[in-house]
Amino acid sequence: MPRGPKGERRPADTHAAAVMVAKIATGEIEDVRPTPESEGKNPAAVALGRMGGKARAAALGKRKRAEIARKAAQTRWKR
């Protein structure tokens, strides 16, 4: 079964997906999305991963951030 953007298991077939949505709506099955903790991941590591970009931006100076952004823009427009 394919995985969605957050790792959840969903049917690839549109008819199977419609049946699953109907079953969730009627309460026949429960729509449970796994949390990182339930998948065996360390909660502290998950929290650090969520703040990674913000922490990096706070640690960098204005010039360095501008340099990184300029390089990224040049790389995007080079294609």
N, C-alpha and C. Protein backbone atom coordinates (compact mmCIF):
# COMPACT_ATOMS: atom_id res chain seq x y z
N MET A 1 0.84 -1.17 0.00
CA MET A 1 0.00 0.00 0.00
C MET A 1 0.89 1.24 0.00
N PRO A 2 0.58 2.24 -0.81
CA PRO A 2 1.41 3.44 -0.87
C PRO A 2 1.29 4.28 0.40
N ARG A 3 2.27 5.11 0.58
CA ARG A 3 2.28 5.98 1.75
C ARG A 3 2.00 7.41 1.32
N GLY A 4 1.28 8.13 2.15
CA GLY A 4 0.97 9.53 1.89
C GLY A 4 2.14 10.42 2.28
N PRO A 5 1.95 11.73 2.21
CA PRO A 5 3.04 12.65 2.50
C PRO A 5 3.54 12.58 3.95
N LYS A 6 2.71 12.15 4.85
CA LYS A 6 3.12 12.04 6.25
C LYS A 6 3.37 10.59 6.65
N GLY A 7 3.48 9.70 5.66
CA GLY A 7 3.79 8.30 5.96
C GLY A 7 2.58 7.43 6.22
N GLU A 8 1.38 7.99 6.13
CA GLU A 8 0.21 7.17 6.41
C GLU A 8 -0.09 6.23 5.24
N ARG A 9 -0.67 5.12 5.56
CA ARG A 9 -1.00 4.14 4.53
C ARG A 9 -2.39 4.43 3.98
N ARG A 10 -2.47 4.63 2.68
CA ARG A 10 -3.74 4.90 2.00
C ARG A 10 -3.80 4.06 0.73
N PRO A 11 -5.01 3.65 0.33
CA PRO A 11 -5.13 2.88 -0.92
C PRO A 11 -4.80 3.73 -2.14
N ALA A 12 -4.15 3.13 -3.12
CA ALA A 12 -3.80 3.84 -4.35
C ALA A 12 -4.99 3.90 -5.30
N ASP A 13 -5.83 2.88 -5.27
CA ASP A 13 -6.99 2.81 -6.14
C ASP A 13 -8.05 3.81 -5.66
N THR A 14 -8.63 4.58 -6.59
CA THR A 14 -9.60 5.60 -6.20
C THR A 14 -10.86 4.99 -5.59
N HIS A 15 -11.29 3.83 -6.10
CA HIS A 15 -12.48 3.19 -5.55
C HIS A 15 -12.21 2.70 -4.13
N ALA A 16 -11.05 2.12 -3.92
CA ALA A 16 -10.69 1.65 -2.58
C ALA A 16 -10.57 2.83 -1.61
N ALA A 17 -10.04 3.94 -2.11
CA ALA A 17 -9.93 5.13 -1.27
C ALA A 17 -11.31 5.66 -0.90
N ALA A 18 -12.25 5.63 -1.86
CA ALA A 18 -13.62 6.09 -1.59
C ALA A 18 -14.29 5.19 -0.55
N VAL A 19 -14.09 3.89 -0.67
CA VAL A 19 -14.66 2.96 0.30
C VAL A 19 -14.06 3.23 1.68
N MET A 20 -12.76 3.49 1.74
CA MET A 20 -12.11 3.75 3.02
C MET A 20 -12.66 5.04 3.65
N VAL A 21 -12.86 6.07 2.85
CA VAL A 21 -13.41 7.33 3.36
C VAL A 21 -14.82 7.10 3.89
N ALA A 22 -15.62 6.32 3.17
CA ALA A 22 -16.98 6.04 3.62
C ALA A 22 -16.96 5.27 4.94
N LYS A 23 -16.06 4.31 5.08
CA LYS A 23 -15.96 3.54 6.32
C LYS A 23 -15.53 4.42 7.48
N ILE A 24 -14.63 5.36 7.23
CA ILE A 24 -14.19 6.28 8.27
C ILE A 24 -15.36 7.19 8.67
N ALA A 25 -16.11 7.67 7.67
CA ALA A 25 -17.23 8.57 7.93
C ALA A 25 -18.33 7.89 8.74
N THR A 26 -18.58 6.59 8.48
CA THR A 26 -19.64 5.88 9.20
C THR A 26 -19.15 5.32 10.52
N GLY A 27 -17.86 5.41 10.78
CA GLY A 27 -17.33 4.91 12.05
C GLY A 27 -17.02 3.43 12.03
N GLU A 28 -17.07 2.82 10.85
CA GLU A 28 -16.77 1.40 10.72
C GLU A 28 -15.30 1.10 11.05
N ILE A 29 -14.43 2.00 10.61
CA ILE A 29 -13.01 1.91 10.96
C ILE A 29 -12.58 3.25 11.52
N GLU A 30 -11.51 3.25 12.29
CA GLU A 30 -11.02 4.47 12.90
C GLU A 30 -9.85 5.01 12.10
N ASP A 31 -9.86 6.32 11.88
CA ASP A 31 -8.78 6.96 11.14
C ASP A 31 -7.69 7.36 12.13
N VAL A 32 -6.71 6.50 12.28
CA VAL A 32 -5.63 6.72 13.23
C VAL A 32 -4.36 7.02 12.46
N ARG A 33 -3.82 8.20 12.68
CA ARG A 33 -2.55 8.56 12.05
C ARG A 33 -1.44 8.33 13.06
N PRO A 34 -0.39 7.63 12.66
CA PRO A 34 0.68 7.35 13.61
C PRO A 34 1.47 8.60 13.97
N THR A 35 1.83 8.71 15.22
CA THR A 35 2.68 9.80 15.68
C THR A 35 4.13 9.32 15.63
N PRO A 36 5.09 10.23 15.56
CA PRO A 36 6.49 9.80 15.55
C PRO A 36 6.84 8.97 16.78
N GLU A 37 6.24 9.32 17.92
CA GLU A 37 6.53 8.58 19.15
C GLU A 37 6.01 7.15 19.06
N SER A 38 4.83 6.97 18.43
CA SER A 38 4.27 5.62 18.31
C SER A 38 5.07 4.77 17.32
N GLU A 39 5.83 5.41 16.46
CA GLU A 39 6.66 4.68 15.50
C GLU A 39 8.05 4.38 16.06
N GLY A 40 8.26 4.71 17.34
CA GLY A 40 9.52 4.37 17.98
C GLY A 40 10.59 5.44 17.88
N LYS A 41 10.22 6.64 17.46
CA LYS A 41 11.21 7.71 17.35
C LYS A 41 11.33 8.44 18.69
N ASN A 42 12.49 9.00 18.92
CA ASN A 42 12.76 9.74 20.14
C ASN A 42 12.04 11.09 20.08
N PRO A 43 11.16 11.41 21.06
CA PRO A 43 10.43 12.68 21.02
C PRO A 43 11.35 13.91 21.01
N ALA A 44 12.48 13.83 21.68
CA ALA A 44 13.41 14.97 21.70
C ALA A 44 14.01 15.18 20.31
N ALA A 45 14.33 14.10 19.62
CA ALA A 45 14.89 14.21 18.28
C ALA A 45 13.85 14.76 17.31
N VAL A 46 12.59 14.36 17.48
CA VAL A 46 11.52 14.87 16.62
C VAL A 46 11.37 16.37 16.83
N ALA A 47 11.40 16.81 18.08
CA ALA A 47 11.28 18.24 18.38
C ALA A 47 12.45 19.03 17.79
N LEU A 48 13.64 18.49 17.89
CA LEU A 48 14.81 19.17 17.32
C LEU A 48 14.71 19.24 15.80
N GLY A 49 14.20 18.19 15.19
CA GLY A 49 14.06 18.18 13.74
C GLY A 49 13.07 19.22 13.25
N ARG A 50 12.03 19.47 14.04
CA ARG A 50 11.01 20.45 13.65
C ARG A 50 11.55 21.87 13.72
N MET A 51 12.47 22.13 14.63
CA MET A 51 12.97 23.50 14.77
C MET A 51 14.30 23.70 14.06
N GLY A 52 14.76 22.73 13.29
CA GLY A 52 16.06 22.79 12.66
C GLY A 52 16.29 24.01 11.79
N GLY A 53 15.38 24.30 10.87
CA GLY A 53 15.54 25.43 9.97
C GLY A 53 15.52 26.77 10.71
N LYS A 54 14.63 26.88 11.68
CA LYS A 54 14.53 28.13 12.45
C LYS A 54 15.79 28.36 13.28
N ALA A 55 16.30 27.29 13.88
CA ALA A 55 17.49 27.42 14.71
C ALA A 55 18.70 27.79 13.85
N ARG A 56 18.77 27.21 12.66
CA ARG A 56 19.89 27.52 11.77
C ARG A 56 19.81 28.98 11.31
N ALA A 57 18.62 29.44 10.97
CA ALA A 57 18.45 30.82 10.53
C ALA A 57 18.80 31.80 11.65
N ALA A 58 18.46 31.45 12.87
CA ALA A 58 18.77 32.33 14.00
C ALA A 58 20.27 32.38 14.26
N ALA A 59 20.97 31.27 13.98
CA ALA A 59 22.41 31.21 14.24
C ALA A 59 23.22 31.93 13.16
N LEU A 60 22.68 32.01 11.95
CA LEU A 60 23.40 32.65 10.85
C LEU A 60 23.21 34.16 10.89
N GLY A 61 24.20 34.85 10.41
CA GLY A 61 24.09 36.30 10.30
C GLY A 61 23.32 36.69 9.06
N LYS A 62 22.96 37.96 8.96
CA LYS A 62 22.16 38.44 7.83
C LYS A 62 22.91 38.27 6.51
N ARG A 63 24.20 38.56 6.51
CA ARG A 63 25.00 38.43 5.28
C ARG A 63 25.07 36.98 4.80
N LYS A 64 25.29 36.07 5.74
CA LYS A 64 25.41 34.65 5.38
C LYS A 64 24.08 34.12 4.84
N ARG A 65 22.96 34.52 5.45
CA ARG A 65 21.65 34.08 4.96
C ARG A 65 21.40 34.61 3.55
N ALA A 66 21.78 35.86 3.32
CA ALA A 66 21.60 36.46 1.99
C ALA A 66 22.47 35.74 0.96
N GLU A 67 23.68 35.38 1.36
CA GLU A 67 24.58 34.67 0.46
C GLU A 67 24.00 33.30 0.09
N ILE A 68 23.47 32.60 1.07
CA ILE A 68 22.88 31.28 0.83
C ILE A 68 21.66 31.42 -0.09
N ALA A 69 20.82 32.43 0.16
CA ALA A 69 19.64 32.65 -0.66
C ALA A 69 20.02 33.00 -2.09
N ARG A 70 21.07 33.82 -2.25
CA ARG A 70 21.53 34.21 -3.58
C ARG A 70 22.03 32.98 -4.35
N LYS A 71 22.79 32.13 -3.68
CA LYS A 71 23.31 30.92 -4.32
C LYS A 71 22.17 29.99 -4.71
N ALA A 72 21.15 29.86 -3.84
CA ALA A 72 20.01 29.00 -4.14
C ALA A 72 19.24 29.53 -5.34
N ALA A 73 19.05 30.85 -5.41
CA ALA A 73 18.33 31.45 -6.53
C ALA A 73 19.08 31.25 -7.84
N GLN A 74 20.40 31.42 -7.80
CA GLN A 74 21.20 31.22 -9.01
C GLN A 74 21.11 29.77 -9.47
N THR A 75 21.13 28.83 -8.53
CA THR A 75 21.02 27.42 -8.89
C THR A 75 19.66 27.11 -9.50
N ARG A 76 18.59 27.70 -8.93
CA ARG A 76 17.24 27.47 -9.47
C ARG A 76 17.10 28.04 -10.88
N TRP A 77 17.60 29.24 -11.09
CA TRP A 77 17.43 29.88 -12.39
C TRP A 77 18.39 29.36 -13.44
N LYS A 78 19.44 28.64 -13.02
CA LYS A 78 20.41 28.09 -13.97
C LYS A 78 19.75 27.01 -14.84
N ARG A 79 18.79 26.28 -14.24
CA ARG A 79 18.12 25.20 -14.98
C ARG A 79 17.40 25.80 -16.11
